[in-house]
Amino acid sequence: MVKAIALAFQWRKLQESGTHATVEEIAAAEKINESYVDRILRLTMLAPDIVEAILGGRQPAQMPLAVLMRRFPVLWSAQRSELLHPLNRHDVLGMINLVEKAVEGFVPNGITSET
């Protein structure tokens, strides 16, 4: 993960200096897929404290590189909520659905619709 962060900032520097102006140019120079370059470059948009945690090896266990390679919010506060919190919105909604299915049709002993 540290290598990916370093690579992202190196590529961004190449873009800013004009050495390679586009994702396509970086991909061609590195002989890799453009979508991979794009996903790695996105890491430069991570909140500084998240980058520091990764570089210091203090990122949460539920935040492997595969999670960072997916789309994440641009707002730093939203990144913290989604990436640093053990349960993201998708997990919570999935858990709610499981609970709803589990209790569907459940009637506690002694309680009827007539009481």
N, C-alpha and C. Protein backbone atom coordinates (compact mmCIF):
# COMPACT_ATOMS: atom_id res chain seq x y z
N MET A 1 0.82 -1.19 0.00
CA MET A 1 0.00 0.00 0.00
C MET A 1 0.87 1.27 0.00
N VAL A 2 1.96 1.22 0.74
CA VAL A 2 2.88 2.36 0.76
C VAL A 2 3.45 2.61 -0.63
N LYS A 3 3.79 1.53 -1.34
CA LYS A 3 4.33 1.67 -2.70
C LYS A 3 3.30 2.32 -3.62
N ALA A 4 2.04 1.95 -3.47
CA ALA A 4 0.98 2.52 -4.30
C ALA A 4 0.83 4.02 -4.05
N ILE A 5 0.88 4.42 -2.78
CA ILE A 5 0.79 5.85 -2.43
C ILE A 5 1.99 6.60 -3.03
N ALA A 6 3.18 6.05 -2.87
CA ALA A 6 4.38 6.69 -3.40
C ALA A 6 4.30 6.83 -4.93
N LEU A 7 3.85 5.77 -5.58
CA LEU A 7 3.71 5.78 -7.03
C LEU A 7 2.69 6.84 -7.47
N ALA A 8 1.59 6.93 -6.74
CA ALA A 8 0.55 7.91 -7.07
C ALA A 8 1.12 9.33 -7.05
N PHE A 9 1.86 9.65 -6.00
CA PHE A 9 2.41 11.00 -5.90
C PHE A 9 3.54 11.24 -6.91
N GLN A 10 4.27 10.19 -7.24
CA GLN A 10 5.31 10.31 -8.28
C GLN A 10 4.65 10.61 -9.62
N TRP A 11 3.59 9.88 -9.95
CA TRP A 11 2.90 10.11 -11.23
C TRP A 11 2.25 11.49 -11.26
N ARG A 12 1.70 11.91 -10.13
CA ARG A 12 1.09 13.24 -10.10
C ARG A 12 2.15 14.32 -10.35
N LYS A 13 3.34 14.12 -9.79
CA LYS A 13 4.45 15.06 -10.02
C LYS A 13 4.82 15.09 -11.50
N LEU A 14 4.82 13.92 -12.15
CA LEU A 14 5.10 13.88 -13.59
C LEU A 14 4.06 14.66 -14.38
N GLN A 15 2.80 14.57 -13.94
CA GLN A 15 1.75 15.34 -14.61
C GLN A 15 1.94 16.83 -14.38
N GLU A 16 2.19 17.20 -13.13
CA GLU A 16 2.33 18.62 -12.81
C GLU A 16 3.54 19.26 -13.48
N SER A 17 4.60 18.48 -13.67
CA SER A 17 5.81 19.01 -14.32
C SER A 17 5.68 19.04 -15.84
N GLY A 18 4.66 18.35 -16.36
CA GLY A 18 4.47 18.32 -17.81
C GLY A 18 5.21 17.19 -18.50
N THR A 19 5.92 16.37 -17.72
CA THR A 19 6.64 15.24 -18.31
C THR A 19 5.66 14.29 -18.99
N HIS A 20 4.58 13.97 -18.29
CA HIS A 20 3.47 13.19 -18.85
C HIS A 20 2.19 13.91 -18.46
N ALA A 21 1.52 14.47 -19.44
CA ALA A 21 0.36 15.32 -19.16
C ALA A 21 -0.92 14.53 -18.87
N THR A 22 -0.99 13.29 -19.35
CA THR A 22 -2.25 12.55 -19.22
C THR A 22 -2.02 11.16 -18.64
N VAL A 23 -3.10 10.57 -18.21
CA VAL A 23 -3.08 9.18 -17.73
C VAL A 23 -2.59 8.27 -18.85
N GLU A 24 -3.04 8.55 -20.06
CA GLU A 24 -2.65 7.74 -21.21
C GLU A 24 -1.14 7.76 -21.43
N GLU A 25 -0.55 8.94 -21.27
CA GLU A 25 0.90 9.07 -21.46
C GLU A 25 1.67 8.30 -20.37
N ILE A 26 1.19 8.37 -19.14
CA ILE A 26 1.83 7.63 -18.04
C ILE A 26 1.72 6.13 -18.30
N ALA A 27 0.53 5.69 -18.68
CA ALA A 27 0.30 4.26 -18.95
C ALA A 27 1.22 3.77 -20.07
N ALA A 28 1.35 4.56 -21.12
CA ALA A 28 2.21 4.17 -22.24
C ALA A 28 3.67 4.11 -21.80
N ALA A 29 4.11 5.08 -21.03
CA ALA A 29 5.50 5.12 -20.57
C ALA A 29 5.81 3.95 -19.63
N GLU A 30 4.83 3.59 -18.78
CA GLU A 30 5.02 2.51 -17.81
C GLU A 30 4.65 1.14 -18.38
N LYS A 31 4.05 1.16 -19.58
CA LYS A 31 3.58 -0.07 -20.23
C LYS A 31 2.58 -0.83 -19.34
N ILE A 32 1.60 -0.07 -18.85
CA ILE A 32 0.54 -0.66 -18.02
C ILE A 32 -0.82 -0.11 -18.46
N ASN A 33 -1.86 -0.66 -17.89
CA ASN A 33 -3.23 -0.32 -18.22
C ASN A 33 -3.59 1.09 -17.73
N GLU A 34 -4.29 1.85 -18.55
CA GLU A 34 -4.71 3.20 -18.19
C GLU A 34 -5.62 3.23 -16.96
N SER A 35 -6.51 2.26 -16.84
CA SER A 35 -7.43 2.26 -15.70
C SER A 35 -6.67 2.04 -14.38
N TYR A 36 -5.59 1.25 -14.44
CA TYR A 36 -4.76 1.05 -13.24
C TYR A 36 -4.09 2.36 -12.85
N VAL A 37 -3.54 3.08 -13.83
CA VAL A 37 -2.91 4.37 -13.56
C VAL A 37 -3.94 5.31 -12.94
N ASP A 38 -5.14 5.33 -13.49
CA ASP A 38 -6.20 6.19 -12.98
C ASP A 38 -6.54 5.86 -11.53
N ARG A 39 -6.68 4.57 -11.22
CA ARG A 39 -7.02 4.16 -9.85
C ARG A 39 -5.89 4.51 -8.88
N ILE A 40 -4.65 4.33 -9.29
CA ILE A 40 -3.52 4.68 -8.42
C ILE A 40 -3.45 6.19 -8.21
N LEU A 41 -3.62 6.97 -9.28
CA LEU A 41 -3.58 8.43 -9.16
C LEU A 41 -4.65 8.96 -8.21
N ARG A 42 -5.78 8.28 -8.14
CA ARG A 42 -6.86 8.69 -7.24
C ARG A 42 -6.39 8.73 -5.78
N LEU A 43 -5.37 7.93 -5.46
CA LEU A 43 -4.87 7.89 -4.08
C LEU A 43 -4.31 9.23 -3.63
N THR A 44 -3.96 10.10 -4.57
CA THR A 44 -3.45 11.43 -4.21
C THR A 44 -4.57 12.32 -3.64
N MET A 45 -5.81 11.88 -3.76
CA MET A 45 -6.95 12.64 -3.24
C MET A 45 -7.33 12.20 -1.83
N LEU A 46 -6.60 11.26 -1.26
CA LEU A 46 -6.90 10.82 0.10
C LEU A 46 -6.59 11.93 1.11
N ALA A 47 -7.35 11.96 2.18
CA ALA A 47 -7.12 12.93 3.25
C ALA A 47 -5.70 12.74 3.79
N PRO A 48 -5.03 13.84 4.11
CA PRO A 48 -3.64 13.74 4.60
C PRO A 48 -3.47 12.80 5.79
N ASP A 49 -4.41 12.80 6.72
CA ASP A 49 -4.27 11.93 7.88
C ASP A 49 -4.41 10.45 7.51
N ILE A 50 -5.18 10.15 6.46
CA ILE A 50 -5.29 8.77 6.00
C ILE A 50 -3.97 8.35 5.34
N VAL A 51 -3.40 9.25 4.54
CA VAL A 51 -2.10 8.97 3.91
C VAL A 51 -1.05 8.75 5.00
N GLU A 52 -1.03 9.60 6.01
CA GLU A 52 -0.06 9.45 7.11
C GLU A 52 -0.24 8.12 7.84
N ALA A 53 -1.49 7.72 8.06
CA ALA A 53 -1.76 6.45 8.73
C ALA A 53 -1.22 5.28 7.89
N ILE A 54 -1.44 5.35 6.59
CA ILE A 54 -0.95 4.29 5.69
C ILE A 54 0.58 4.25 5.70
N LEU A 55 1.20 5.42 5.55
CA LEU A 55 2.66 5.47 5.51
C LEU A 55 3.28 5.02 6.84
N GLY A 56 2.55 5.23 7.93
CA GLY A 56 3.02 4.81 9.25
C GLY A 56 2.59 3.41 9.63
N GLY A 57 1.88 2.73 8.71
CA GLY A 57 1.42 1.37 8.99
C GLY A 57 0.30 1.30 10.01
N ARG A 58 -0.44 2.40 10.18
CA ARG A 58 -1.50 2.45 11.18
C ARG A 58 -2.90 2.42 10.58
N GLN A 59 -3.02 2.06 9.31
CA GLN A 59 -4.35 2.00 8.69
C GLN A 59 -5.13 0.82 9.28
N PRO A 60 -6.46 0.95 9.33
CA PRO A 60 -7.28 -0.14 9.86
C PRO A 60 -7.14 -1.41 9.01
N ALA A 61 -7.33 -2.54 9.65
CA ALA A 61 -7.23 -3.83 8.95
C ALA A 61 -8.25 -3.95 7.83
N GLN A 62 -9.40 -3.29 7.99
CA GLN A 62 -10.45 -3.39 6.97
C GLN A 62 -10.21 -2.43 5.81
N MET A 63 -9.01 -1.85 5.73
CA MET A 63 -8.70 -0.93 4.65
C MET A 63 -7.48 -1.41 3.86
N PRO A 64 -7.59 -2.56 3.19
CA PRO A 64 -6.48 -3.01 2.34
C PRO A 64 -6.46 -2.20 1.04
N LEU A 65 -5.42 -2.38 0.25
CA LEU A 65 -5.29 -1.64 -1.01
C LEU A 65 -6.51 -1.86 -1.91
N ALA A 66 -7.07 -3.05 -1.90
CA ALA A 66 -8.23 -3.35 -2.75
C ALA A 66 -9.38 -2.39 -2.45
N VAL A 67 -9.56 -2.01 -1.20
CA VAL A 67 -10.62 -1.06 -0.83
C VAL A 67 -10.31 0.32 -1.40
N LEU A 68 -9.05 0.71 -1.34
CA LEU A 68 -8.66 2.04 -1.85
C LEU A 68 -8.69 2.11 -3.37
N MET A 69 -8.62 0.96 -4.03
CA MET A 69 -8.65 0.95 -5.49
C MET A 69 -10.06 1.14 -6.02
N ARG A 70 -11.06 0.98 -5.16
CA ARG A 70 -12.44 1.28 -5.57
C ARG A 70 -12.66 2.79 -5.42
N ARG A 71 -13.75 3.24 -5.94
CA ARG A 71 -14.07 4.67 -5.80
C ARG A 71 -14.30 4.98 -4.32
N PHE A 72 -13.81 6.14 -3.91
CA PHE A 72 -14.06 6.61 -2.55
C PHE A 72 -14.45 8.08 -2.63
N PRO A 73 -15.08 8.60 -1.57
CA PRO A 73 -15.53 10.00 -1.62
C PRO A 73 -14.37 10.98 -1.77
N VAL A 74 -14.65 12.13 -2.36
CA VAL A 74 -13.65 13.16 -2.52
C VAL A 74 -13.50 13.96 -1.22
N LEU A 75 -14.62 14.17 -0.52
CA LEU A 75 -14.57 14.92 0.74
C LEU A 75 -13.81 14.13 1.79
N TRP A 76 -12.86 14.79 2.43
CA TRP A 76 -12.03 14.10 3.42
C TRP A 76 -12.85 13.57 4.59
N SER A 77 -13.85 14.33 5.03
CA SER A 77 -14.68 13.86 6.16
C SER A 77 -15.44 12.59 5.77
N ALA A 78 -15.92 12.53 4.55
CA ALA A 78 -16.62 11.33 4.07
C ALA A 78 -15.65 10.16 3.92
N GLN A 79 -14.42 10.45 3.52
CA GLN A 79 -13.40 9.39 3.42
C GLN A 79 -13.16 8.77 4.80
N ARG A 80 -13.04 9.65 5.80
CA ARG A 80 -12.79 9.15 7.15
C ARG A 80 -13.92 8.25 7.61
N SER A 81 -15.15 8.68 7.33
CA SER A 81 -16.31 7.87 7.74
C SER A 81 -16.34 6.53 7.03
N GLU A 82 -16.06 6.55 5.74
CA GLU A 82 -16.16 5.33 4.95
C GLU A 82 -14.94 4.41 5.08
N LEU A 83 -13.75 4.99 5.12
CA LEU A 83 -12.54 4.18 5.09
C LEU A 83 -11.99 3.83 6.47
N LEU A 84 -12.18 4.71 7.44
CA LEU A 84 -11.61 4.46 8.75
C LEU A 84 -12.58 3.80 9.72
N HIS A 85 -13.86 3.91 9.44
CA HIS A 85 -14.86 3.29 10.31
C HIS A 85 -14.99 1.82 9.94
N PRO A 86 -15.05 0.92 10.93
CA PRO A 86 -15.09 -0.51 10.63
C PRO A 86 -16.27 -0.94 9.76
N LEU A 87 -17.39 -0.26 9.89
CA LEU A 87 -18.55 -0.62 9.08
C LEU A 87 -18.87 0.53 8.15
N ASN A 88 -18.87 0.25 6.86
CA ASN A 88 -19.27 1.30 5.94
C ASN A 88 -20.77 1.21 5.69
N ARG A 89 -21.31 2.16 4.96
CA ARG A 89 -22.76 2.23 4.72
C ARG A 89 -23.28 0.95 4.10
N HIS A 90 -22.55 0.38 3.16
CA HIS A 90 -22.98 -0.84 2.49
C HIS A 90 -23.11 -1.99 3.49
N ASP A 91 -22.14 -2.11 4.40
CA ASP A 91 -22.18 -3.16 5.42
C ASP A 91 -23.40 -2.99 6.32
N VAL A 92 -23.66 -1.76 6.74
CA VAL A 92 -24.78 -1.49 7.64
C VAL A 92 -26.10 -1.83 6.96
N LEU A 93 -26.27 -1.40 5.71
CA LEU A 93 -27.51 -1.71 4.99
C LEU A 93 -27.69 -3.22 4.83
N GLY A 94 -26.61 -3.91 4.55
CA GLY A 94 -26.68 -5.37 4.43
C GLY A 94 -27.10 -6.02 5.74
N MET A 95 -26.57 -5.51 6.86
CA MET A 95 -26.93 -6.06 8.16
C MET A 95 -28.40 -5.79 8.48
N ILE A 96 -28.88 -4.61 8.14
CA ILE A 96 -30.29 -4.28 8.37
C ILE A 96 -31.18 -5.24 7.59
N ASN A 97 -30.85 -5.50 6.33
CA ASN A 97 -31.63 -6.42 5.52
C ASN A 97 -31.64 -7.81 6.13
N LEU A 98 -30.50 -8.29 6.63
CA LEU A 98 -30.44 -9.61 7.27
C LEU A 98 -31.33 -9.68 8.50
N VAL A 99 -31.30 -8.63 9.32
CA VAL A 99 -32.13 -8.61 10.53
C VAL A 99 -33.60 -8.58 10.15
N GLU A 100 -33.96 -7.77 9.17
CA GLU A 100 -35.36 -7.70 8.74
C GLU A 100 -35.86 -9.06 8.26
N LYS A 101 -35.04 -9.77 7.50
CA LYS A 101 -35.42 -11.11 7.02
C LYS A 101 -35.53 -12.09 8.18
N ALA A 102 -34.64 -11.97 9.16
CA ALA A 102 -34.64 -12.90 10.29
C ALA A 102 -35.88 -12.73 11.16
N VAL A 103 -36.37 -11.51 11.31
CA VAL A 103 -37.52 -11.28 12.19
C VAL A 103 -38.84 -11.27 11.44
N GLU A 104 -38.80 -11.41 10.15
CA GLU A 104 -40.01 -11.41 9.34
C GLU A 104 -40.93 -12.55 9.79
N GLY A 105 -42.12 -12.20 10.15
CA GLY A 105 -43.10 -13.21 10.58
C GLY A 105 -42.92 -13.68 12.01
N PHE A 106 -41.91 -13.16 12.72
CA PHE A 106 -41.67 -13.57 14.10
C PHE A 106 -42.73 -12.97 15.00
N VAL A 107 -43.34 -13.81 15.84
CA VAL A 107 -44.31 -13.36 16.82
C VAL A 107 -43.86 -13.90 18.17
N PRO A 108 -43.56 -13.01 19.14
CA PRO A 108 -43.14 -13.48 20.47
C PRO A 108 -44.23 -14.33 21.13
N ASN A 109 -43.83 -15.30 21.95
CA ASN A 109 -44.77 -16.18 22.65
C ASN A 109 -45.78 -15.37 23.43
N GLY A 110 -47.03 -15.77 23.31
CA GLY A 110 -48.11 -15.16 24.09
C GLY A 110 -48.66 -13.90 23.47
N ILE A 111 -48.11 -13.41 22.39
CA ILE A 111 -48.62 -12.18 21.78
C ILE A 111 -49.28 -12.57 20.47
N THR A 112 -50.54 -12.15 20.34
CA THR A 112 -51.25 -12.40 19.10
C THR A 112 -51.76 -11.09 18.56
N SER A 113 -52.24 -11.12 17.38
CA SER A 113 -52.77 -9.87 16.78
C SER A 113 -54.06 -9.45 17.47
N GLU A 114 -54.64 -10.36 18.26
CA GLU A 114 -55.88 -10.04 18.95
C GLU A 114 -55.65 -9.39 20.30
N THR A 115 -54.40 -9.40 20.81
CA THR A 115 -54.16 -8.82 22.13
C THR A 115 -53.78 -7.38 22.06
